[in-house]
């Protein structure tokens, strides 16, 4: 009987934790408070600026390679 009561006790504990967690999960499901504080235009500008920086580095590296090839072939 002891094993039976342990299984029933663990089941009841798991069920009660699940039932208590469901309303908390629904209450925490919205992120309006967090995302409302972010200015998305600034985030977009930062992402575009990082992309532009990566493109500029690529152009500089490509240009240096072209100049080095021109120097080597001359």
PDB file of N, CA and C in Angstrom:
ATOM      1  N   UNK A   1       0.803  -1.200   0.000  1.00  0.00           N
ATOM      2  CA  UNK A   1       0.000   0.000   0.000  1.00  0.00           C
ATOM      3  C   UNK A   1       0.848   1.268   0.000  1.00  0.00           C
ATOM      4  N   UNK A   2       2.029   1.185   0.504  1.00  0.00           N
ATOM      5  CA  UNK A   2       2.875   2.358   0.594  1.00  0.00           C
ATOM      6  C   UNK A   2       3.222   2.891  -0.795  1.00  0.00           C
ATOM      7  N   UNK A   3       3.524   1.990  -1.739  1.00  0.00           N
ATOM      8  CA  UNK A   3       3.850   2.428  -3.100  1.00  0.00           C
ATOM      9  C   UNK A   3       2.644   3.089  -3.753  1.00  0.00           C
ATOM     10  N   UNK A   4       1.472   2.546  -3.481  1.00  0.00           N
ATOM     11  CA  UNK A   4       0.254   3.107  -4.042  1.00  0.00           C
ATOM     12  C   UNK A   4       0.052   4.539  -3.566  1.00  0.00           C
ATOM     13  N   UNK A   5       0.227   4.779  -2.277  1.00  0.00           N
ATOM     14  CA  UNK A   5       0.034   6.118  -1.738  1.00  0.00           C
ATOM     15  C   UNK A   5       1.098   7.091  -2.244  1.00  0.00           C
ATOM     16  N   UNK A   6       2.306   6.597  -2.464  1.00  0.00           N
ATOM     17  CA  UNK A   6       3.358   7.456  -3.019  1.00  0.00           C
ATOM     18  C   UNK A   6       3.008   7.871  -4.441  1.00  0.00           C
ATOM     19  N   UNK A   7       2.498   6.918  -5.243  1.00  0.00           N
ATOM     20  CA  UNK A   7       2.126   7.240  -6.617  1.00  0.00           C
ATOM     21  C   UNK A   7       0.953   8.217  -6.649  1.00  0.00           C
ATOM     22  N   UNK A   8      -0.039   7.964  -5.800  1.00  0.00           N
ATOM     23  CA  UNK A   8      -1.198   8.853  -5.761  1.00  0.00           C
ATOM     24  C   UNK A   8      -0.783  10.236  -5.281  1.00  0.00           C
ATOM     25  N   UNK A   9       0.084  10.278  -4.294  1.00  0.00           N
ATOM     26  CA  UNK A   9       0.557  11.567  -3.781  1.00  0.00           C
ATOM     27  C   UNK A   9       1.335  12.343  -4.818  1.00  0.00           C
ATOM     28  N   UNK A  10       2.193  11.662  -5.561  1.00  0.00           N
ATOM     29  CA  UNK A  10       2.964  12.353  -6.591  1.00  0.00           C
ATOM     30  C   UNK A  10       2.061  12.821  -7.726  1.00  0.00           C
ATOM     31  N   UNK A  11       1.027  12.021  -8.045  1.00  0.00           N
ATOM     32  CA  UNK A  11       0.077  12.424  -9.081  1.00  0.00           C
ATOM     33  C   UNK A  11      -0.697  13.662  -8.652  1.00  0.00           C
ATOM     34  N   UNK A  12      -1.148  13.667  -7.433  1.00  0.00           N
ATOM     35  CA  UNK A  12      -1.916  14.816  -6.936  1.00  0.00           C
ATOM     36  C   UNK A  12      -1.033  16.059  -6.892  1.00  0.00           C
ATOM     37  N   UNK A  13       0.201  15.901  -6.492  1.00  0.00           N
ATOM     38  CA  UNK A  13       1.125  17.035  -6.457  1.00  0.00           C
ATOM     39  C   UNK A  13       1.358  17.581  -7.859  1.00  0.00           C
ATOM     40  N   UNK A  14       1.605  16.687  -8.815  1.00  0.00           N
ATOM     41  CA  UNK A  14       1.843  17.123 -10.191  1.00  0.00           C
ATOM     42  C   UNK A  14       0.607  17.786 -10.775  1.00  0.00           C
ATOM     43  N   UNK A  15      -0.562  17.229 -10.491  1.00  0.00           N
ATOM     44  CA  UNK A  15      -1.802  17.799 -11.014  1.00  0.00           C
ATOM     45  C   UNK A  15      -2.064  19.172 -10.406  1.00  0.00           C
ATOM     46  N   UNK A  16      -1.824  19.328  -9.128  1.00  0.00           N
ATOM     47  CA  UNK A  16      -2.077  20.619  -8.491  1.00  0.00           C
ATOM     48  C   UNK A  16      -1.092  21.675  -8.977  1.00  0.00           C
ATOM     49  N   UNK A  17       0.153  21.299  -9.185  1.00  0.00           N
ATOM     50  CA  UNK A  17       1.136  22.252  -9.716  1.00  0.00           C
ATOM     51  C   UNK A  17       0.735  22.671 -11.119  1.00  0.00           C
ATOM     52  N   UNK A  18       0.280  21.716 -11.929  1.00  0.00           N
ATOM     53  CA  UNK A  18      -0.149  22.037 -13.286  1.00  0.00           C
ATOM     54  C   UNK A  18      -1.359  22.948 -13.274  1.00  0.00           C
ATOM     55  N   UNK A  19      -2.321  22.657 -12.441  1.00  0.00           N
ATOM     56  CA  UNK A  19      -3.521  23.482 -12.389  1.00  0.00           C
ATOM     57  C   UNK A  19      -3.225  24.877 -11.870  1.00  0.00           C
ATOM     58  N   UNK A  20      -2.275  25.009 -10.993  1.00  0.00           N
ATOM     59  CA  UNK A  20      -1.911  26.330 -10.488  1.00  0.00           C
ATOM     60  C   UNK A  20      -1.080  27.107 -11.492  1.00  0.00           C
ATOM     61  N   UNK A  21      -0.335  26.399 -12.328  1.00  0.00           N
ATOM     62  CA  UNK A  21       0.543  27.065 -13.288  1.00  0.00           C
ATOM     63  C   UNK A  21      -0.210  27.559 -14.519  1.00  0.00           C
ATOM     64  N   UNK A  22      -1.333  26.962 -14.851  1.00  0.00           N
ATOM     65  CA  UNK A  22      -2.058  27.345 -16.061  1.00  0.00           C
ATOM     66  C   UNK A  22      -2.521  28.812 -16.015  1.00  0.00           C
ATOM     67  N   UNK A  23      -3.176  29.283 -14.954  1.00  0.00           N
ATOM     68  CA  UNK A  23      -3.560  30.698 -14.949  1.00  0.00           C
ATOM     69  C   UNK A  23      -2.356  31.635 -14.960  1.00  0.00           C
ATOM     70  N   UNK A  24      -1.287  31.254 -14.313  1.00  0.00           N
ATOM     71  CA  UNK A  24      -0.094  32.100 -14.308  1.00  0.00           C
ATOM     72  C   UNK A  24       0.506  32.185 -15.704  1.00  0.00           C
ATOM     73  N   UNK A  25       0.456  31.081 -16.453  1.00  0.00           N
ATOM     74  CA  UNK A  25       1.000  31.094 -17.806  1.00  0.00           C
ATOM     75  C   UNK A  25       0.159  31.988 -18.713  1.00  0.00           C
ATOM     76  N   UNK A  26      -1.138  31.969 -18.539  1.00  0.00           N
ATOM     77  CA  UNK A  26      -1.993  32.821 -19.363  1.00  0.00           C
ATOM     78  C   UNK A  26      -1.807  34.285 -19.001  1.00  0.00           C
ATOM     79  N   UNK A  27      -1.594  34.573 -17.756  1.00  0.00           N
ATOM     80  CA  UNK A  27      -1.389  35.956 -17.339  1.00  0.00           C
ATOM     81  C   UNK A  27      -0.067  36.495 -17.864  1.00  0.00           C
ATOM     82  N   UNK A  28       0.944  35.630 -17.957  1.00  0.00           N
ATOM     83  CA  UNK A  28       2.254  36.071 -18.418  1.00  0.00           C
ATOM     84  C   UNK A  28       2.409  35.939 -19.921  1.00  0.00           C
ATOM     85  N   UNK A  29       1.361  35.565 -20.643  1.00  0.00           N
ATOM     86  CA  UNK A  29       1.446  35.319 -22.073  1.00  0.00           C
ATOM     87  C   UNK A  29       1.591  36.564 -22.924  1.00  0.00           C
ATOM     88  N   UNK A  30       1.206  37.724 -22.414  1.00  0.00           N
ATOM     89  CA  UNK A  30       1.314  38.943 -23.204  1.00  0.00           C
ATOM     90  C   UNK A  30       2.613  39.665 -22.876  1.00  0.00           C
ATOM     91  N   UNK A  31       3.193  40.241 -23.879  1.00  0.00           N
ATOM     92  CA  UNK A  31       4.455  40.961 -23.705  1.00  0.00           C
ATOM     93  C   UNK A  31       4.267  42.441 -24.027  1.00  0.00           C
ATOM     94  N   UNK A  32       3.044  42.922 -23.924  1.00  0.00           N
ATOM     95  CA  UNK A  32       2.762  44.313 -24.268  1.00  0.00           C
ATOM     96  C   UNK A  32       3.527  45.290 -23.385  1.00  0.00           C
ATOM     97  N   UNK A  33       3.682  44.945 -22.128  1.00  0.00           N
ATOM     98  CA  UNK A  33       4.401  45.840 -21.221  1.00  0.00           C
ATOM     99  C   UNK A  33       5.871  45.964 -21.576  1.00  0.00           C
ATOM    100  N   UNK A  34       6.439  44.880 -22.058  1.00  0.00           N
ATOM    101  CA  UNK A  34       7.861  44.892 -22.410  1.00  0.00           C
ATOM    102  C   UNK A  34       8.069  45.518 -23.783  1.00  0.00           C
ATOM    103  N   UNK A  35       7.285  45.060 -24.762  1.00  0.00           N
ATOM    104  CA  UNK A  35       7.485  45.549 -26.126  1.00  0.00           C
ATOM    105  C   UNK A  35       6.977  46.973 -26.308  1.00  0.00           C
ATOM    106  N   UNK A  36       6.075  47.407 -25.443  1.00  0.00           N
ATOM    107  CA  UNK A  36       5.583  48.774 -25.545  1.00  0.00           C
ATOM    108  C   UNK A  36       6.636  49.800 -25.167  1.00  0.00           C
ATOM    109  N   UNK A  37       7.601  49.405 -24.387  1.00  0.00           N
ATOM    110  CA  UNK A  37       8.642  50.337 -23.946  1.00  0.00           C
ATOM    111  C   UNK A  37       9.777  50.474 -24.956  1.00  0.00           C
ATOM    112  N   UNK A  38       9.758  49.661 -26.010  1.00  0.00           N
ATOM    113  CA  UNK A  38      10.833  49.679 -26.999  1.00  0.00           C
ATOM    114  C   UNK A  38      10.412  50.536 -28.177  1.00  0.00           C
ATOM    115  N   UNK A  39      11.313  51.416 -28.597  1.00  0.00           N
ATOM    116  CA  UNK A  39      11.084  52.217 -29.797  1.00  0.00           C
ATOM    117  C   UNK A  39      11.618  51.425 -30.988  1.00  0.00           C
ATOM    118  N   UNK A  40      10.721  50.809 -31.743  1.00  0.00           N
ATOM    119  CA  UNK A  40      11.131  49.888 -32.809  1.00  0.00           C
ATOM    120  C   UNK A  40      11.818  50.604 -33.958  1.00  0.00           C
ATOM    121  N   UNK A  41      11.604  51.891 -34.144  1.00  0.00           N
ATOM    122  CA  UNK A  41      12.311  52.605 -35.206  1.00  0.00           C
ATOM    123  C   UNK A  41      13.803  52.665 -34.903  1.00  0.00           C
ATOM    124  N   UNK A  42      14.146  52.805 -33.628  1.00  0.00           N
ATOM    125  CA  UNK A  42      15.563  52.798 -33.253  1.00  0.00           C
ATOM    126  C   UNK A  42      16.177  51.416 -33.441  1.00  0.00           C
ATOM    127  N   UNK A  43      15.414  50.382 -33.144  1.00  0.00           N
ATOM    128  CA  UNK A  43      15.910  49.019 -33.333  1.00  0.00           C
ATOM    129  C   UNK A  43      16.138  48.761 -34.812  1.00  0.00           C
ATOM    130  N   UNK A  44      15.204  49.180 -35.647  1.00  0.00           N
ATOM    131  CA  UNK A  44      15.349  49.008 -37.093  1.00  0.00           C
ATOM    132  C   UNK A  44      16.550  49.783 -37.609  1.00  0.00           C
ATOM    133  N   UNK A  45      16.730  50.989 -37.132  1.00  0.00           N
ATOM    134  CA  UNK A  45      17.886  51.793 -37.557  1.00  0.00           C
ATOM    135  C   UNK A  45      19.189  51.131 -37.141  1.00  0.00           C
ATOM    136  N   UNK A  46      19.224  50.538 -35.960  1.00  0.00           N
ATOM    137  CA  UNK A  46      20.440  49.866 -35.503  1.00  0.00           C
ATOM    138  C   UNK A  46      20.745  48.641 -36.365  1.00  0.00           C
ATOM    139  N   UNK A  47      19.719  47.878 -36.725  1.00  0.00           N
ATOM    140  CA  UNK A  47      19.933  46.692 -37.562  1.00  0.00           C
ATOM    141  C   UNK A  47      20.417  47.108 -38.952  1.00  0.00           C
ATOM    142  N   UNK A  48      19.816  48.147 -39.502  1.00  0.00           N
ATOM    143  CA  UNK A  48      20.246  48.634 -40.821  1.00  0.00           C
ATOM    144  C   UNK A  48      21.671  49.172 -40.749  1.00  0.00           C
ATOM    145  N   UNK A  49      22.021  49.860 -39.676  1.00  0.00           N
ATOM    146  CA  UNK A  49      23.379  50.390 -39.530  1.00  0.00           C
ATOM    147  C   UNK A  49      24.397  49.266 -39.440  1.00  0.00           C
ATOM    148  N   UNK A  50      24.060  48.195 -38.733  1.00  0.00           N
ATOM    149  CA  UNK A  50      24.973  47.055 -38.648  1.00  0.00           C
ATOM    150  C   UNK A  50      25.141  46.408 -40.018  1.00  0.00           C
ATOM    151  N   UNK A  51      24.045  46.286 -40.768  1.00  0.00           N
ATOM    152  CA  UNK A  51      24.130  45.741 -42.125  1.00  0.00           C
ATOM    153  C   UNK A  51      24.992  46.610 -43.026  1.00  0.00           C
ATOM    154  N   UNK A  52      24.846  47.921 -42.902  1.00  0.00           N
ATOM    155  CA  UNK A  52      25.664  48.839 -43.694  1.00  0.00           C
ATOM    156  C   UNK A  52      27.137  48.735 -43.318  1.00  0.00           C
ATOM    157  N   UNK A  53      27.406  48.557 -42.049  1.00  0.00           N
ATOM    158  CA  UNK A  53      28.788  48.394 -41.602  1.00  0.00           C
ATOM    159  C   UNK A  53      29.407  47.124 -42.174  1.00  0.00           C
ATOM    160  N   UNK A  54      28.652  46.042 -42.176  1.00  0.00           N
ATOM    161  CA  UNK A  54      29.150  44.784 -42.743  1.00  0.00           C
ATOM    162  C   UNK A  54      29.398  44.945 -44.237  1.00  0.00           C
ATOM    163  N   UNK A  55      28.495  45.633 -44.942  1.00  0.00           N
ATOM    164  CA  UNK A  55      28.673  45.865 -46.378  1.00  0.00           C
ATOM    165  C   UNK A  55      29.902  46.725 -46.636  1.00  0.00           C
ATOM    166  N   UNK A  56      30.122  47.733 -45.801  1.00  0.00           N
ATOM    167  CA  UNK A  56      31.293  48.595 -45.975  1.00  0.00           C
ATOM    168  C   UNK A  56      32.583  47.817 -45.764  1.00  0.00           C
ATOM    169  N   UNK A  57      32.617  46.957 -44.779  1.00  0.00           N
ATOM    170  CA  UNK A  57      33.806  46.131 -44.547  1.00  0.00           C
ATOM    171  C   UNK A  57      34.053  45.228 -45.750  1.00  0.00           C
ATOM    172  N   UNK A  58      32.989  44.658 -46.305  1.00  0.00           N
ATOM    173  CA  UNK A  58      33.134  43.799 -47.485  1.00  0.00           C
ATOM    174  C   UNK A  58      33.707  44.583 -48.663  1.00  0.00           C
ATOM    175  N   UNK A  59      33.202  45.790 -48.885  1.00  0.00           N
ATOM    176  CA  UNK A  59      33.685  46.616 -49.996  1.00  0.00           C
ATOM    177  C   UNK A  59      35.156  46.970 -49.798  1.00  0.00           C
ATOM    178  N   UNK A  60      35.544  47.313 -48.590  1.00  0.00           N
ATOM    179  CA  UNK A  60      36.947  47.663 -48.318  1.00  0.00           C
ATOM    180  C   UNK A  60      37.850  46.457 -48.551  1.00  0.00           C
ATOM    181  N   UNK A  61      37.459  45.292 -48.067  1.00  0.00           N
ATOM    182  CA  UNK A  61      38.270  44.087 -48.261  1.00  0.00           C
ATOM    183  C   UNK A  61      38.380  43.767 -49.742  1.00  0.00           C
ATOM    184  N   UNK A  62      37.281  43.864 -50.471  1.00  0.00           N
ATOM    185  CA  UNK A  62      37.300  43.596 -51.916  1.00  0.00           C
ATOM    186  C   UNK A  62      38.211  44.592 -52.627  1.00  0.00           C
ATOM    187  N   UNK A  63      38.144  45.854 -52.247  1.00  0.00           N
ATOM    188  CA  UNK A  63      39.004  46.874 -52.852  1.00  0.00           C
ATOM    189  C   UNK A  63      40.471  46.630 -52.572  1.00  0.00           C
ATOM    190  N   UNK A  64      40.801  46.255 -51.344  1.00  0.00           N
ATOM    191  CA  UNK A  64      42.194  45.965 -50.994  1.00  0.00           C
ATOM    192  C   UNK A  64      42.706  44.783 -51.800  1.00  0.00           C
ATOM    193  N   UNK A  65      41.889  43.762 -51.968  1.00  0.00           N
ATOM    194  CA  UNK A  65      42.308  42.609 -52.774  1.00  0.00           C
ATOM    195  C   UNK A  65      42.551  43.007 -54.226  1.00  0.00           C
ATOM    196  N   UNK A  66      41.694  43.866 -54.762  1.00  0.00           N
ATOM    197  CA  UNK A  66      41.882  44.310 -56.145  1.00  0.00           C
ATOM    198  C   UNK A  66      43.174  45.109 -56.287  1.00  0.00           C
ATOM    199  N   UNK A  67      43.450  45.984 -55.328  1.00  0.00           N
ATOM    200  CA  UNK A  67      44.679  46.782 -55.373  1.00  0.00           C
ATOM    201  C   UNK A  67      45.899  45.882 -55.242  1.00  0.00           C
ATOM    202  N   UNK A  68      45.856  44.909 -54.336  1.00  0.00           N
ATOM    203  CA  UNK A  68      47.003  44.004 -54.169  1.00  0.00           C
ATOM    204  C   UNK A  68      47.237  43.165 -55.420  1.00  0.00           C
ATOM    205  N   UNK A  69      46.157  42.717 -56.081  1.00  0.00           N
ATOM    206  CA  UNK A  69      46.330  41.977 -57.333  1.00  0.00           C
ATOM    207  C   UNK A  69      46.940  42.853 -58.402  1.00  0.00           C
ATOM    208  N   UNK A  70      46.516  44.124 -58.463  1.00  0.00           N
ATOM    209  CA  UNK A  70      47.074  45.044 -59.452  1.00  0.00           C
ATOM    210  C   UNK A  70      48.552  45.290 -59.195  1.00  0.00           C
ATOM    211  N   UNK A  71      48.937  45.390 -57.933  1.00  0.00           N
ATOM    212  CA  UNK A  71      50.346  45.619 -57.588  1.00  0.00           C
ATOM    213  C   UNK A  71      51.167  44.380 -57.934  1.00  0.00           C
ATOM    214  N   UNK A  72      50.655  43.189 -57.639  1.00  0.00           N
ATOM    215  CA  UNK A  72      51.386  41.952 -57.919  1.00  0.00           C
ATOM    216  C   UNK A  72      51.559  41.720 -59.406  1.00  0.00           C
ATOM    217  N   UNK A  73      50.547  42.060 -60.194  1.00  0.00           N
ATOM    218  CA  UNK A  73      50.631  41.806 -61.638  1.00  0.00           C
ATOM    219  C   UNK A  73      51.486  42.842 -62.356  1.00  0.00           C
ATOM    220  N   UNK A  74      51.749  43.976 -61.746  1.00  0.00           N
ATOM    221  CA  UNK A  74      52.527  45.026 -62.412  1.00  0.00           C
ATOM    222  C   UNK A  74      53.988  44.791 -62.311  1.00  0.00           C
TER     223      UNK A  74
END
